[in-house]
Amino acid sequence: MTRIEVVGVTRTFGSDDRSVTALADVNLHITDGQMVALMGPSGSGKTTLLNMISALDRPNSGEILMDGVAIAAISDEARATLRQRIGFIFQRFALIPTASAYENIEFALRIAQIPRDEWQARITRTLTQLDMLDHAHHRPGELSGGQQQRIAIARALATDPPLIIADEPTANLDSHRGATVLELFRTLCQHGKTIVMSTHDAAAERYATHICRMQAGRVTNFAPPVTTGAGPTSPPQSAKASKKRKAPHSD
């Protein structure tokens, strides 16, 4: 179960006379099985909100509650334990440059205290889901930006976390690869996972269960997407159609 409540959260940076407000009195309620896309212009507060929800930062005022627990009030050790339940997909990938794709995922499994005898099956499964099994032994410097992004996604999914926090997870992917990732995300949500992601990808509106629109640190609207055709509860056909039309892409 993953229930997230954001209650009156404000976050400012800098000194009093030169402070910048990144979040201003934000209120959200996210339940398990939801796929929430944070959308808005750069600087609207999307990444700051992700950092708050994932216990990587603390608000100046207000509360973030995870399954009823105020995460800003718990100890550093408890926060670290909580983060083990989260799959992180960072915008800049955060891969270990000297480790292979396989080893990067293996490291995440070790940190999450997943039993060693499960590692190979988990790594193989997630690399296969992201069509990266043939690159398992390549280091990040030997991969394109899109390939690195898919390794970062595989690493986040391998621990089987109840909550996935993703910062621009399709930014380096072509439209077909991006649609494949978004469809995978929605499948995970249909099995009870919760996903909160920031994105500029308009295609996310066809997959997300809820769109959270942000502007200047405030939530201007939080609602299911307005869709036509496929709608939010059935995967769109465009991804399959584009696969037939488009030649393979290096990412």
Protein backbone atom coordinates (compact mmCIF):
# COMPACT_ATOMS: atom_id res chain seq x y z
CA MET A 1 0.00 0.00 0.00
CA THR A 2 1.27 3.46 -0.89
CA ARG A 3 -0.85 6.45 0.05
CA ILE A 4 0.77 9.85 -0.37
CA GLU A 5 -0.65 13.02 1.14
CA VAL A 6 0.90 16.42 0.44
CA VAL A 7 -0.57 18.90 2.90
CA GLY A 8 0.09 22.63 2.55
CA VAL A 9 3.70 22.12 1.44
CA THR A 10 5.87 25.18 0.79
CA ARG A 11 9.55 25.03 -0.15
CA THR A 12 11.78 28.05 -0.59
CA PHE A 13 15.47 28.31 -1.40
CA GLY A 14 17.91 31.09 -0.56
CA SER A 15 17.98 33.80 2.08
CA ASP A 16 14.97 35.86 3.16
CA ASP A 17 15.76 38.85 0.95
CA ARG A 18 16.65 36.69 -2.08
CA SER A 19 14.49 33.66 -1.54
CA VAL A 20 12.91 31.72 -4.39
CA THR A 21 9.65 29.88 -3.81
CA ALA A 22 9.77 26.48 -5.51
CA LEU A 23 6.52 25.18 -4.01
CA ALA A 24 3.68 27.26 -2.57
CA ASP A 25 0.97 25.65 -0.42
CA VAL A 26 0.76 22.44 -2.47
CA ASN A 27 -1.95 19.91 -1.59
CA LEU A 28 -2.26 16.47 -3.22
CA HIS A 29 -3.70 13.07 -2.39
CA ILE A 30 -2.26 10.09 -4.32
CA THR A 31 -3.34 6.51 -3.75
CA ASP A 32 -1.92 3.15 -4.79
CA GLY A 33 -2.56 2.17 -8.37
CA GLN A 34 -2.41 5.74 -9.63
CA MET A 35 -0.01 6.95 -12.31
CA VAL A 36 0.35 10.69 -11.75
CA ALA A 37 2.06 12.88 -14.35
CA LEU A 38 3.33 16.22 -13.05
CA MET A 39 3.17 18.60 -16.02
CA GLY A 40 4.11 22.24 -16.38
CA PRO A 41 6.90 24.50 -17.67
CA SER A 42 10.47 24.25 -16.46
CA GLY A 43 10.76 25.86 -13.04
CA SER A 44 7.16 25.12 -12.07
CA GLY A 45 8.24 22.95 -9.12
CA LYS A 46 7.87 19.43 -10.52
CA THR A 47 11.29 18.10 -9.51
CA THR A 48 11.11 19.81 -6.11
CA LEU A 49 7.79 18.10 -5.45
CA LEU A 50 9.27 14.73 -6.46
CA ASN A 51 12.14 15.31 -4.01
CA MET A 52 9.65 16.04 -1.24
CA ILE A 53 7.55 12.95 -1.90
CA SER A 54 10.62 10.71 -2.05
CA ALA A 55 12.07 12.00 1.27
CA LEU A 56 15.13 13.50 -0.43
CA ASP A 57 14.24 16.98 0.84
CA ARG A 58 12.11 18.57 3.55
CA PRO A 59 9.52 21.34 3.18
CA ASN A 60 9.79 24.68 4.93
CA SER A 61 6.18 24.24 6.00
CA GLY A 62 3.45 21.68 5.55
CA GLU A 63 3.67 17.90 5.65
CA ILE A 64 4.28 14.91 3.39
CA LEU A 65 2.62 11.76 4.71
CA MET A 66 3.42 8.27 3.41
CA ASP A 67 0.76 5.78 4.49
CA GLY A 68 -0.15 8.17 7.28
CA VAL A 69 3.43 8.76 8.51
CA ALA A 70 4.84 12.31 8.35
CA ILE A 71 8.16 11.61 6.67
CA ALA A 72 9.81 14.92 7.58
CA ALA A 73 9.46 14.06 11.27
CA ILE A 74 11.03 10.60 11.23
CA SER A 75 14.70 9.83 11.87
CA ASP A 76 17.33 9.74 9.13
CA GLU A 77 17.54 5.97 9.55
CA ALA A 78 13.80 5.62 9.12
CA ARG A 79 13.90 7.86 6.05
CA ALA A 80 16.62 5.67 4.55
CA THR A 81 14.48 2.60 5.19
CA LEU A 82 11.50 4.31 3.57
CA ARG A 83 13.55 5.12 0.46
CA GLN A 84 14.23 1.41 0.02
CA ARG A 85 10.55 1.10 -0.90
CA ILE A 86 10.95 3.63 -3.72
CA GLY A 87 12.27 3.04 -7.22
CA PHE A 88 14.06 6.20 -8.34
CA ILE A 89 14.48 7.20 -11.98
CA PHE A 90 16.70 10.27 -12.08
CA GLN A 91 16.73 12.74 -14.96
CA ARG A 92 20.52 12.41 -15.31
CA PHE A 93 20.38 8.62 -14.83
CA ALA A 94 22.85 8.47 -11.86
CA LEU A 95 24.48 5.30 -13.21
CA ILE A 96 27.84 4.14 -11.89
CA PRO A 97 30.17 4.89 -14.83
CA THR A 98 32.65 2.08 -14.11
CA ALA A 99 29.96 -0.60 -13.73
CA SER A 100 28.11 -2.47 -16.46
CA ALA A 101 24.36 -2.19 -16.90
CA TYR A 102 24.00 -5.54 -15.12
CA GLU A 103 26.22 -4.38 -12.23
CA ASN A 104 24.32 -1.09 -11.88
CA ILE A 105 21.08 -2.99 -11.36
CA GLU A 106 22.83 -5.51 -9.12
CA PHE A 107 24.02 -2.66 -6.89
CA ALA A 108 20.45 -1.39 -6.49
CA LEU A 109 19.30 -4.88 -5.49
CA ARG A 110 22.08 -5.12 -2.91
CA ILE A 111 21.13 -1.74 -1.40
CA ALA A 112 17.48 -2.80 -1.26
CA GLN A 113 18.55 -6.00 0.54
CA ILE A 114 17.01 -8.28 -2.09
CA PRO A 115 18.20 -11.90 -1.58
CA ARG A 116 21.19 -12.67 -3.79
CA ASP A 117 19.57 -15.76 -5.30
CA GLU A 118 16.91 -13.49 -6.87
CA TRP A 119 19.31 -11.08 -8.54
CA GLN A 120 19.84 -12.79 -11.88
CA ALA A 121 16.14 -13.41 -12.52
CA ARG A 122 15.20 -9.84 -11.59
CA ILE A 123 17.94 -8.28 -13.71
CA THR A 124 17.16 -10.46 -16.70
CA ARG A 125 13.44 -9.69 -16.43
CA THR A 126 13.79 -5.92 -16.26
CA LEU A 127 16.46 -5.70 -18.96
CA THR A 128 14.19 -7.78 -21.20
CA GLN A 129 11.22 -5.52 -20.47
CA LEU A 130 13.27 -2.52 -21.58
CA ASP A 131 14.79 -4.35 -24.58
CA MET A 132 18.31 -3.96 -23.14
CA LEU A 133 19.33 -7.54 -22.39
CA ASP A 134 21.86 -7.51 -25.25
CA HIS A 135 23.57 -4.54 -23.54
CA ALA A 136 23.76 -6.05 -20.06
CA HIS A 137 27.57 -5.96 -19.97
CA HIS A 138 28.05 -2.51 -21.50
CA ARG A 139 29.14 0.38 -19.30
CA PRO A 140 27.21 3.68 -19.44
CA GLY A 141 29.90 5.35 -21.57
CA GLU A 142 29.33 2.68 -24.22
CA LEU A 143 25.60 3.40 -24.42
CA SER A 144 23.54 6.16 -25.99
CA GLY A 145 21.55 8.55 -23.82
CA GLY A 146 18.34 6.66 -24.53
CA GLN A 147 19.96 3.34 -23.68
CA GLN A 148 21.28 4.75 -20.41
CA GLN A 149 17.78 5.97 -19.60
CA ARG A 150 16.35 2.51 -20.14
CA ILE A 151 19.03 1.01 -17.87
CA ALA A 152 18.08 3.56 -15.20
CA ILE A 153 14.44 2.54 -15.55
CA ALA A 154 15.33 -1.17 -15.36
CA ARG A 155 17.33 -0.50 -12.19
CA ALA A 156 14.34 1.21 -10.57
CA LEU A 157 11.94 -1.59 -11.48
CA ALA A 158 14.21 -4.48 -10.47
CA THR A 159 13.62 -4.00 -6.74
CA ASP A 160 9.85 -4.34 -7.32
CA PRO A 161 9.07 -1.19 -5.30
CA PRO A 162 5.49 -0.20 -4.42
CA LEU A 163 6.29 3.43 -5.37
CA ILE A 164 8.22 4.67 -8.41
CA ILE A 165 9.42 8.28 -8.60
CA ALA A 166 10.51 9.28 -12.09
CA ASP A 167 11.98 12.60 -13.26
CA GLU A 168 11.45 12.95 -17.03
CA PRO A 169 11.66 9.18 -17.67
CA THR A 170 11.09 9.45 -21.45
CA ALA A 171 13.06 12.62 -22.16
CA ASN A 172 15.85 10.82 -24.05
CA LEU A 173 13.64 8.30 -25.85
CA ASP A 174 12.07 8.42 -29.28
CA SER A 175 8.28 8.33 -29.48
CA HIS A 176 8.06 4.54 -29.86
CA ARG A 177 10.44 3.78 -26.97
CA GLY A 178 8.72 6.41 -24.84
CA ALA A 179 5.32 4.87 -25.50
CA THR A 180 6.68 1.43 -24.58
CA VAL A 181 7.92 2.74 -21.24
CA LEU A 182 4.67 4.56 -20.49
CA GLU A 183 2.65 1.45 -21.33
CA LEU A 184 4.89 -0.60 -19.03
CA PHE A 185 4.33 1.97 -16.26
CA ARG A 186 0.59 1.76 -16.64
CA THR A 187 0.68 -2.02 -16.55
CA LEU A 188 2.58 -1.79 -13.25
CA CYS A 189 -0.08 0.57 -11.88
CA GLN A 190 -2.78 -1.87 -12.90
CA HIS A 191 -1.01 -4.35 -10.61
CA GLY A 192 -1.07 -1.92 -7.68
CA LYS A 193 2.12 0.10 -8.10
CA THR A 194 2.04 3.87 -7.63
CA ILE A 195 3.99 6.04 -10.07
CA VAL A 196 4.61 9.76 -9.77
CA MET A 197 6.59 11.28 -12.61
CA SER A 198 7.48 14.70 -13.95
CA THR A 199 7.27 14.99 -17.71
CA HIS A 200 7.08 17.29 -20.71
CA ASP A 201 5.96 14.34 -22.84
CA ALA A 202 2.44 15.04 -24.10
CA ALA A 203 1.99 11.30 -24.72
CA ALA A 204 1.86 10.82 -20.92
CA GLU A 205 -1.69 12.17 -20.98
CA ARG A 206 -2.79 9.03 -22.83
CA TYR A 207 -1.39 6.74 -20.14
CA ALA A 208 -1.55 8.52 -16.77
CA THR A 209 -4.53 8.04 -14.49
CA HIS A 210 -4.15 11.62 -13.23
CA ILE A 211 -2.52 14.81 -14.53
CA CYS A 212 -1.17 17.29 -11.99
CA ARG A 213 -0.64 20.62 -13.72
CA MET A 214 1.81 22.98 -12.07
CA GLN A 215 2.65 26.64 -12.56
CA ALA A 216 5.02 28.79 -10.51
CA GLY A 217 5.19 26.28 -7.66
CA ARG A 218 1.45 25.78 -7.38
CA VAL A 219 -0.89 23.00 -8.43
CA THR A 220 -3.39 24.53 -10.85
CA ASN A 221 -5.32 21.33 -11.59
CA PHE A 222 -5.29 17.68 -10.48
CA ALA A 223 -7.66 15.39 -12.33
CA PRO A 224 -7.90 12.40 -14.66
CA PRO A 225 -6.80 13.33 -18.19
CA VAL A 226 -9.33 14.48 -20.74
CA THR A 227 -8.95 11.87 -23.47
CA THR A 228 -10.50 10.86 -26.75
CA GLY A 229 -10.31 7.50 -28.45
CA ALA A 230 -8.37 5.03 -26.29
CA GLY A 231 -8.95 6.84 -22.98
CA PRO A 232 -7.06 6.39 -19.72
CA THR A 233 -8.16 2.83 -19.01
CA SER A 234 -7.19 1.08 -22.25
CA PRO A 235 -3.72 1.27 -23.82
CA PRO A 236 -3.64 3.37 -26.99
CA GLN A 237 -2.98 1.62 -30.26
CA SER A 238 -0.54 4.24 -31.55
CA ALA A 239 2.51 2.58 -30.03
CA LYS A 240 1.85 -0.71 -31.81
CA ALA A 241 1.02 1.07 -35.04
CA SER A 242 4.18 3.17 -34.91
CA LYS A 243 6.24 0.05 -34.34
CA LYS A 244 5.04 -1.23 -37.71
CA ARG A 245 5.65 2.06 -39.48
CA LYS A 246 9.01 3.11 -38.03
CA ALA A 247 12.44 1.65 -38.59
CA PRO A 248 14.36 0.50 -35.49
CA HIS A 249 15.96 3.34 -33.51
CA SER A 250 19.31 3.15 -31.74
CA ASP A 251 17.69 4.24 -28.45
